[in-house]
Amino acid sequence: MPNPTKTKRILLILTSLLALGTALPSAANPAIDWLITTAQTNGAYTTENDIATPFTATAETLQTQNFPSTKRLSQTLILHALAGQALEPITSQLITRLNLDGGIGDLSDYDSTIIDTAWALNAPINAIAVKGNHKGLPLQKWHIT
């Protein structure tokens, strides 16, 4: 005699699979379209406007990295400047990483590194170049007293 619980479970799984197979378009469709349009013939995922090398852009695309590293915040600051979006939240996050030695670490309370400091200092310079002014960039907060 068949087990009623097992039969119900199988019917639930089959119904779910049918429902998923006929689901309406999701929010993933724009992302899929973006992947298709940025795919290059050499296998890279990059555009002419990327601020990263093709290798880095591809690696970050495939990893869907959302780790809030200093590099990532710096790139986000530049992108927000290009898009005309608010810069204050990102610069505030970068400022919290400023150490007493004048350098910046990968995250708050991390030891300073040359690379992270360079990323963090380069981002406001690029944002100023894009915006044409320093409004929205609290640069005076970068000074340690």
N, C-alpha and C. Protein backbone atom coordinates (compact mmCIF):
# COMPACT_ATOMS: atom_id res chain seq x y z
N MET A 1 0.84 -1.17 0.00
CA MET A 1 0.00 0.00 0.00
C MET A 1 0.89 1.25 0.00
N PRO A 2 0.61 2.23 -0.87
CA PRO A 2 1.44 3.42 -0.97
C PRO A 2 1.36 4.27 0.30
N ASN A 3 2.46 4.90 0.59
CA ASN A 3 2.55 5.79 1.75
C ASN A 3 1.90 7.13 1.39
N PRO A 4 0.80 7.58 2.08
CA PRO A 4 0.12 8.82 1.72
C PRO A 4 1.02 10.05 1.89
N THR A 5 1.89 10.06 2.88
CA THR A 5 2.78 11.19 3.08
C THR A 5 3.76 11.32 1.94
N LYS A 6 4.30 10.20 1.50
CA LYS A 6 5.26 10.20 0.39
C LYS A 6 4.55 10.63 -0.89
N THR A 7 3.33 10.17 -1.12
CA THR A 7 2.57 10.54 -2.31
C THR A 7 2.30 12.03 -2.31
N LYS A 8 1.92 12.59 -1.17
CA LYS A 8 1.67 14.03 -1.08
C LYS A 8 2.94 14.82 -1.38
N ARG A 9 4.05 14.34 -0.86
CA ARG A 9 5.32 15.02 -1.07
C ARG A 9 5.69 15.02 -2.56
N ILE A 10 5.49 13.89 -3.22
CA ILE A 10 5.79 13.78 -4.65
C ILE A 10 4.89 14.71 -5.45
N LEU A 11 3.60 14.74 -5.12
CA LEU A 11 2.66 15.63 -5.81
C LEU A 11 3.03 17.10 -5.59
N LEU A 12 3.45 17.44 -4.39
CA LEU A 12 3.87 18.80 -4.10
C LEU A 12 5.10 19.18 -4.92
N ILE A 13 6.05 18.30 -5.01
CA ILE A 13 7.27 18.55 -5.79
C ILE A 13 6.93 18.71 -7.26
N LEU A 14 6.11 17.83 -7.80
CA LEU A 14 5.72 17.93 -9.22
C LEU A 14 4.96 19.21 -9.50
N THR A 15 4.05 19.57 -8.63
CA THR A 15 3.29 20.81 -8.80
C THR A 15 4.22 22.02 -8.75
N SER A 16 5.16 22.00 -7.83
CA SER A 16 6.12 23.10 -7.72
C SER A 16 6.97 23.22 -8.97
N LEU A 17 7.42 22.09 -9.49
CA LEU A 17 8.22 22.12 -10.72
C LEU A 17 7.42 22.66 -11.89
N LEU A 18 6.18 22.27 -12.00
CA LEU A 18 5.32 22.79 -13.07
C LEU A 18 5.11 24.29 -12.92
N ALA A 19 4.89 24.74 -11.70
CA ALA A 19 4.68 26.16 -11.46
C ALA A 19 5.94 26.96 -11.77
N LEU A 20 7.08 26.44 -11.38
CA LEU A 20 8.34 27.14 -11.66
C LEU A 20 8.65 27.18 -13.14
N GLY A 21 8.28 26.16 -13.84
CA GLY A 21 8.53 26.10 -15.28
C GLY A 21 7.70 27.09 -16.07
N THR A 22 6.58 27.50 -15.52
CA THR A 22 5.71 28.45 -16.22
C THR A 22 5.64 29.78 -15.50
N ALA A 23 6.64 30.10 -14.69
CA ALA A 23 6.63 31.34 -13.92
C ALA A 23 6.73 32.55 -14.83
N LEU A 24 6.17 33.64 -14.38
CA LEU A 24 6.25 34.90 -15.11
C LEU A 24 7.69 35.39 -15.10
N PRO A 25 8.04 36.29 -16.03
CA PRO A 25 9.40 36.84 -16.04
C PRO A 25 9.73 37.46 -14.69
N SER A 26 10.94 37.28 -14.30
CA SER A 26 11.34 37.74 -12.96
C SER A 26 12.26 38.95 -13.06
N ALA A 27 12.70 39.40 -11.92
CA ALA A 27 13.65 40.50 -11.86
C ALA A 27 15.02 40.09 -12.39
N ALA A 28 15.23 38.80 -12.58
CA ALA A 28 16.52 38.32 -13.09
C ALA A 28 16.66 38.59 -14.59
N ASN A 29 15.56 38.82 -15.28
CA ASN A 29 15.64 39.02 -16.73
C ASN A 29 16.54 40.18 -17.13
N PRO A 30 16.46 41.36 -16.49
CA PRO A 30 17.40 42.43 -16.86
C PRO A 30 18.85 42.03 -16.64
N ALA A 31 19.10 41.26 -15.58
CA ALA A 31 20.47 40.81 -15.32
C ALA A 31 20.95 39.86 -16.40
N ILE A 32 20.06 38.98 -16.82
CA ILE A 32 20.41 38.04 -17.90
C ILE A 32 20.66 38.81 -19.19
N ASP A 33 19.82 39.80 -19.47
CA ASP A 33 20.02 40.63 -20.67
C ASP A 33 21.36 41.35 -20.60
N TRP A 34 21.71 41.85 -19.40
CA TRP A 34 22.99 42.54 -19.25
C TRP A 34 24.15 41.58 -19.51
N LEU A 35 24.06 40.37 -18.98
CA LEU A 35 25.12 39.38 -19.22
C LEU A 35 25.28 39.11 -20.71
N ILE A 36 24.16 39.00 -21.41
CA ILE A 36 24.21 38.72 -22.85
C ILE A 36 24.86 39.88 -23.60
N THR A 37 24.50 41.13 -23.24
CA THR A 37 25.04 42.28 -23.97
C THR A 37 26.49 42.59 -23.63
N THR A 38 26.96 42.19 -22.45
CA THR A 38 28.34 42.49 -22.09
C THR A 38 29.31 41.36 -22.39
N ALA A 39 28.79 40.23 -22.81
CA ALA A 39 29.67 39.10 -23.15
C ALA A 39 30.47 39.45 -24.41
N GLN A 40 31.77 39.31 -24.32
CA GLN A 40 32.66 39.61 -25.44
C GLN A 40 33.05 38.32 -26.15
N THR A 41 33.55 38.45 -27.36
CA THR A 41 33.92 37.27 -28.15
C THR A 41 35.08 36.50 -27.52
N ASN A 42 35.90 37.19 -26.72
CA ASN A 42 37.02 36.50 -26.06
C ASN A 42 36.63 35.86 -24.74
N GLY A 43 35.34 35.92 -24.38
CA GLY A 43 34.85 35.29 -23.17
C GLY A 43 34.76 36.22 -21.97
N ALA A 44 35.24 37.44 -22.12
CA ALA A 44 35.19 38.39 -21.01
C ALA A 44 33.81 39.03 -20.90
N TYR A 45 33.48 39.48 -19.71
CA TYR A 45 32.26 40.26 -19.47
C TYR A 45 32.70 41.66 -19.11
N THR A 46 32.71 42.54 -20.08
CA THR A 46 33.20 43.90 -19.87
C THR A 46 32.55 44.84 -20.87
N THR A 47 32.60 46.13 -20.56
CA THR A 47 32.12 47.16 -21.48
C THR A 47 33.21 48.20 -21.60
N GLU A 48 33.05 49.10 -22.53
CA GLU A 48 34.07 50.14 -22.72
C GLU A 48 34.09 51.12 -21.54
N ASN A 49 33.03 51.16 -20.75
CA ASN A 49 32.96 52.09 -19.62
C ASN A 49 33.43 51.48 -18.30
N ASP A 50 33.86 50.23 -18.30
CA ASP A 50 34.31 49.60 -17.07
C ASP A 50 35.54 50.30 -16.52
N ILE A 51 35.60 50.41 -15.20
CA ILE A 51 36.77 51.03 -14.57
C ILE A 51 37.77 49.98 -14.11
N ALA A 52 37.46 48.73 -14.37
CA ALA A 52 38.35 47.62 -14.02
C ALA A 52 38.91 47.00 -15.30
N THR A 53 39.97 46.23 -15.16
CA THR A 53 40.51 45.52 -16.32
C THR A 53 39.49 44.48 -16.77
N PRO A 54 39.55 44.04 -18.03
CA PRO A 54 38.61 43.01 -18.48
C PRO A 54 38.65 41.75 -17.61
N PHE A 55 39.84 41.35 -17.17
CA PHE A 55 39.95 40.17 -16.32
C PHE A 55 39.21 40.38 -15.00
N THR A 56 39.45 41.52 -14.35
CA THR A 56 38.80 41.82 -13.07
C THR A 56 37.30 41.96 -13.23
N ALA A 57 36.87 42.66 -14.28
CA ALA A 57 35.43 42.84 -14.52
C ALA A 57 34.75 41.50 -14.72
N THR A 58 35.40 40.61 -15.46
CA THR A 58 34.82 39.27 -15.69
C THR A 58 34.77 38.48 -14.39
N ALA A 59 35.85 38.51 -13.64
CA ALA A 59 35.88 37.77 -12.37
C ALA A 59 34.80 38.27 -11.42
N GLU A 60 34.64 39.58 -11.33
CA GLU A 60 33.63 40.14 -10.43
C GLU A 60 32.22 39.86 -10.95
N THR A 61 32.04 39.84 -12.26
CA THR A 61 30.73 39.51 -12.82
C THR A 61 30.35 38.09 -12.49
N LEU A 62 31.29 37.18 -12.68
CA LEU A 62 30.99 35.78 -12.45
C LEU A 62 30.85 35.45 -10.97
N GLN A 63 31.53 36.19 -10.12
CA GLN A 63 31.44 35.95 -8.68
C GLN A 63 30.26 36.66 -8.05
N THR A 64 29.71 37.64 -8.74
CA THR A 64 28.68 38.53 -8.17
C THR A 64 29.08 38.97 -6.78
N GLN A 65 30.29 39.49 -6.72
CA GLN A 65 30.87 39.90 -5.45
C GLN A 65 30.09 41.06 -4.84
N ASN A 66 29.74 40.94 -3.59
CA ASN A 66 29.12 42.05 -2.89
C ASN A 66 29.81 42.31 -1.56
N PHE A 67 31.02 41.79 -1.40
CA PHE A 67 31.82 42.02 -0.21
C PHE A 67 32.19 43.50 -0.16
N PRO A 68 31.95 44.19 0.94
CA PRO A 68 32.16 45.64 0.99
C PRO A 68 33.62 46.04 1.17
N SER A 69 34.47 45.57 0.30
CA SER A 69 35.89 45.90 0.40
C SER A 69 36.11 47.37 0.05
N THR A 70 37.27 47.89 0.42
CA THR A 70 37.60 49.27 0.08
C THR A 70 37.65 49.44 -1.43
N LYS A 71 38.17 48.46 -2.14
CA LYS A 71 38.20 48.54 -3.60
C LYS A 71 36.78 48.64 -4.15
N ARG A 72 35.90 47.80 -3.65
CA ARG A 72 34.52 47.79 -4.12
C ARG A 72 33.82 49.12 -3.81
N LEU A 73 34.02 49.64 -2.60
CA LEU A 73 33.43 50.94 -2.26
C LEU A 73 33.99 52.05 -3.14
N SER A 74 35.27 52.00 -3.43
CA SER A 74 35.89 53.01 -4.28
C SER A 74 35.31 52.96 -5.69
N GLN A 75 35.15 51.77 -6.22
CA GLN A 75 34.54 51.63 -7.54
C GLN A 75 33.09 52.10 -7.53
N THR A 76 32.38 51.80 -6.45
CA THR A 76 30.99 52.24 -6.33
C THR A 76 30.91 53.76 -6.26
N LEU A 77 31.84 54.39 -5.57
CA LEU A 77 31.88 55.85 -5.49
C LEU A 77 32.03 56.46 -6.88
N ILE A 78 32.92 55.92 -7.67
CA ILE A 78 33.13 56.42 -9.03
C ILE A 78 31.87 56.20 -9.87
N LEU A 79 31.26 55.04 -9.76
CA LEU A 79 30.04 54.76 -10.52
C LEU A 79 28.90 55.67 -10.11
N HIS A 80 28.78 55.94 -8.81
CA HIS A 80 27.72 56.85 -8.35
C HIS A 80 27.96 58.26 -8.89
N ALA A 81 29.22 58.68 -8.95
CA ALA A 81 29.53 60.00 -9.52
C ALA A 81 29.14 60.04 -10.99
N LEU A 82 29.47 58.99 -11.72
CA LEU A 82 29.10 58.92 -13.14
C LEU A 82 27.59 58.94 -13.33
N ALA A 83 26.86 58.32 -12.42
CA ALA A 83 25.40 58.24 -12.53
C ALA A 83 24.70 59.44 -11.89
N GLY A 84 25.46 60.35 -11.28
CA GLY A 84 24.86 61.51 -10.65
C GLY A 84 24.13 61.19 -9.36
N GLN A 85 24.52 60.10 -8.71
CA GLN A 85 23.87 59.69 -7.47
C GLN A 85 24.62 60.24 -6.26
N ALA A 86 23.99 60.14 -5.09
CA ALA A 86 24.58 60.66 -3.85
C ALA A 86 25.89 59.94 -3.52
N LEU A 87 26.88 60.73 -3.13
CA LEU A 87 28.21 60.19 -2.82
C LEU A 87 28.47 60.11 -1.32
N GLU A 88 27.74 60.88 -0.54
CA GLU A 88 27.98 60.96 0.91
C GLU A 88 27.96 59.61 1.62
N PRO A 89 26.99 58.72 1.34
CA PRO A 89 27.01 57.44 2.08
C PRO A 89 28.26 56.62 1.83
N ILE A 90 28.76 56.66 0.62
CA ILE A 90 29.94 55.85 0.29
C ILE A 90 31.20 56.49 0.87
N THR A 91 31.31 57.82 0.75
CA THR A 91 32.49 58.47 1.31
C THR A 91 32.52 58.30 2.83
N SER A 92 31.36 58.32 3.45
CA SER A 92 31.31 58.11 4.91
C SER A 92 31.83 56.72 5.27
N GLN A 93 31.47 55.72 4.48
CA GLN A 93 31.97 54.37 4.74
C GLN A 93 33.49 54.30 4.56
N LEU A 94 33.99 54.97 3.52
CA LEU A 94 35.44 54.96 3.30
C LEU A 94 36.16 55.67 4.44
N ILE A 95 35.58 56.77 4.92
CA ILE A 95 36.22 57.53 6.00
C ILE A 95 36.34 56.71 7.27
N THR A 96 35.38 55.83 7.51
CA THR A 96 35.45 55.01 8.73
C THR A 96 36.63 54.04 8.69
N ARG A 97 37.20 53.85 7.54
CA ARG A 97 38.34 52.93 7.41
C ARG A 97 39.68 53.62 7.57
N LEU A 98 39.65 54.95 7.72
CA LEU A 98 40.88 55.73 7.85
C LEU A 98 41.54 55.43 9.18
N ASN A 99 42.80 55.04 9.12
CA ASN A 99 43.56 54.68 10.32
C ASN A 99 44.43 55.84 10.78
N LEU A 100 44.94 55.75 12.00
CA LEU A 100 45.78 56.82 12.56
C LEU A 100 47.08 57.02 11.79
N ASP A 101 47.53 56.00 11.07
CA ASP A 101 48.75 56.14 10.27
C ASP A 101 48.49 56.85 8.94
N GLY A 102 47.24 57.26 8.70
CA GLY A 102 46.89 57.95 7.47
C GLY A 102 46.49 57.03 6.35
N GLY A 103 46.64 55.75 6.56
CA GLY A 103 46.28 54.78 5.53
C GLY A 103 44.88 54.22 5.73
N ILE A 104 44.50 53.36 4.82
CA ILE A 104 43.17 52.77 4.84
C ILE A 104 43.31 51.27 4.66
N GLY A 105 42.51 50.54 5.43
CA GLY A 105 42.50 49.09 5.32
C GLY A 105 41.33 48.60 4.48
N ASP A 106 41.27 47.30 4.30
CA ASP A 106 40.22 46.71 3.48
C ASP A 106 38.85 46.89 4.10
N LEU A 107 38.77 46.84 5.42
CA LEU A 107 37.53 47.07 6.18
C LEU A 107 37.87 47.95 7.37
N SER A 108 36.87 48.40 8.10
CA SER A 108 37.12 49.18 9.32
C SER A 108 37.95 48.35 10.30
N ASP A 109 38.88 49.01 10.95
CA ASP A 109 39.77 48.39 11.94
C ASP A 109 40.74 47.38 11.35
N TYR A 110 40.92 47.39 10.05
CA TYR A 110 41.94 46.55 9.42
C TYR A 110 43.21 47.38 9.28
N ASP A 111 44.36 46.72 9.28
CA ASP A 111 45.62 47.42 9.07
C ASP A 111 45.63 48.07 7.69
N SER A 112 46.30 49.21 7.61
CA SER A 112 46.40 49.93 6.34
C SER A 112 47.23 49.14 5.34
N THR A 113 46.83 49.22 4.10
CA THR A 113 47.63 48.65 3.01
C THR A 113 47.78 49.72 1.94
N ILE A 114 48.85 49.62 1.19
CA ILE A 114 49.10 50.59 0.13
C ILE A 114 48.01 50.51 -0.93
N ILE A 115 47.61 49.32 -1.28
CA ILE A 115 46.61 49.15 -2.34
C ILE A 115 45.26 49.71 -1.91
N ASP A 116 44.80 49.39 -0.70
CA ASP A 116 43.51 49.91 -0.24
C ASP A 116 43.54 51.43 -0.11
N THR A 117 44.65 51.97 0.38
CA THR A 117 44.79 53.42 0.50
C THR A 117 44.74 54.06 -0.87
N ALA A 118 45.43 53.47 -1.83
CA ALA A 118 45.42 54.01 -3.20
C ALA A 118 44.02 53.99 -3.79
N TRP A 119 43.29 52.88 -3.62
CA TRP A 119 41.91 52.81 -4.13
C TRP A 119 41.06 53.89 -3.49
N ALA A 120 41.16 54.03 -2.18
CA ALA A 120 40.31 54.99 -1.46
C ALA A 120 40.64 56.43 -1.81
N LEU A 121 41.91 56.73 -2.06
CA LEU A 121 42.29 58.10 -2.42
C LEU A 121 42.02 58.40 -3.88
N ASN A 122 42.10 57.40 -4.71
CA ASN A 122 41.86 57.59 -6.14
C ASN A 122 40.38 57.83 -6.43
N ALA A 123 39.50 57.21 -5.67
CA ALA A 123 38.06 57.31 -5.94
C ALA A 123 37.54 58.74 -5.85
N PRO A 124 37.83 59.50 -4.78
CA PRO A 124 37.33 60.88 -4.75
C PRO A 124 37.91 61.75 -5.86
N ILE A 125 39.16 61.50 -6.22
CA ILE A 125 39.76 62.26 -7.32
C ILE A 125 39.01 62.00 -8.62
N ASN A 126 38.70 60.74 -8.89
CA ASN A 126 37.92 60.41 -10.08
C ASN A 126 36.51 60.99 -10.00
N ALA A 127 35.91 60.95 -8.82
CA ALA A 127 34.56 61.50 -8.66
C ALA A 127 34.55 63.00 -8.90
N ILE A 128 35.58 63.70 -8.41
CA ILE A 128 35.69 65.15 -8.65
C ILE A 128 35.85 65.41 -10.14
N ALA A 129 36.67 64.61 -10.82
CA ALA A 129 36.86 64.76 -12.26
C ALA A 129 35.55 64.57 -13.01
N VAL A 130 34.75 63.62 -12.58
CA VAL A 130 33.46 63.35 -13.23
C VAL A 130 32.47 64.46 -12.95
N LYS A 131 32.36 64.86 -11.69
CA LYS A 131 31.37 65.86 -11.28
C LYS A 131 31.79 67.28 -11.64
N GLY A 132 33.08 67.52 -11.70
CA GLY A 132 33.57 68.86 -11.97
C GLY A 132 33.68 69.71 -10.70
N ASN A 133 33.29 69.16 -9.56
CA ASN A 133 33.43 69.87 -8.29
C ASN A 133 33.49 68.84 -7.16
N HIS A 134 33.68 69.33 -5.96
CA HIS A 134 33.81 68.41 -4.82
C HIS A 134 32.55 68.34 -3.97
N LYS A 135 31.44 68.90 -4.43
CA LYS A 135 30.19 68.85 -3.65
C LYS A 135 29.76 67.40 -3.46
N GLY A 136 29.38 67.09 -2.25
CA GLY A 136 28.97 65.72 -1.95
C GLY A 136 30.11 64.85 -1.49
N LEU A 137 31.32 65.39 -1.58
CA LEU A 137 32.50 64.66 -1.11
C LEU A 137 33.05 65.36 0.13
N PRO A 138 32.82 64.82 1.30
CA PRO A 138 33.28 65.47 2.53
C PRO A 138 34.78 65.30 2.73
N LEU A 139 35.55 65.92 1.86
CA LEU A 139 37.00 65.70 1.88
C LEU A 139 37.65 66.21 3.15
N GLN A 140 37.06 67.24 3.79
CA GLN A 140 37.65 67.75 5.02
C GLN A 140 37.65 66.69 6.11
N LYS A 141 36.78 65.71 6.04
CA LYS A 141 36.74 64.65 7.05
C LYS A 141 37.92 63.69 6.92
N TRP A 142 38.63 63.75 5.79
CA TRP A 142 39.76 62.86 5.59
C TRP A 142 40.98 63.32 6.40
N HIS A 143 40.94 64.54 6.88
CA HIS A 143 42.08 65.07 7.63
C HIS A 143 42.04 64.55 9.06
N ILE A 144 43.13 63.99 9.51
CA ILE A 144 43.22 63.49 10.88
C ILE A 144 43.88 64.56 11.74
N THR A 145 43.25 64.88 12.85
CA THR A 145 43.84 65.90 13.74
C THR A 145 44.56 65.24 14.89
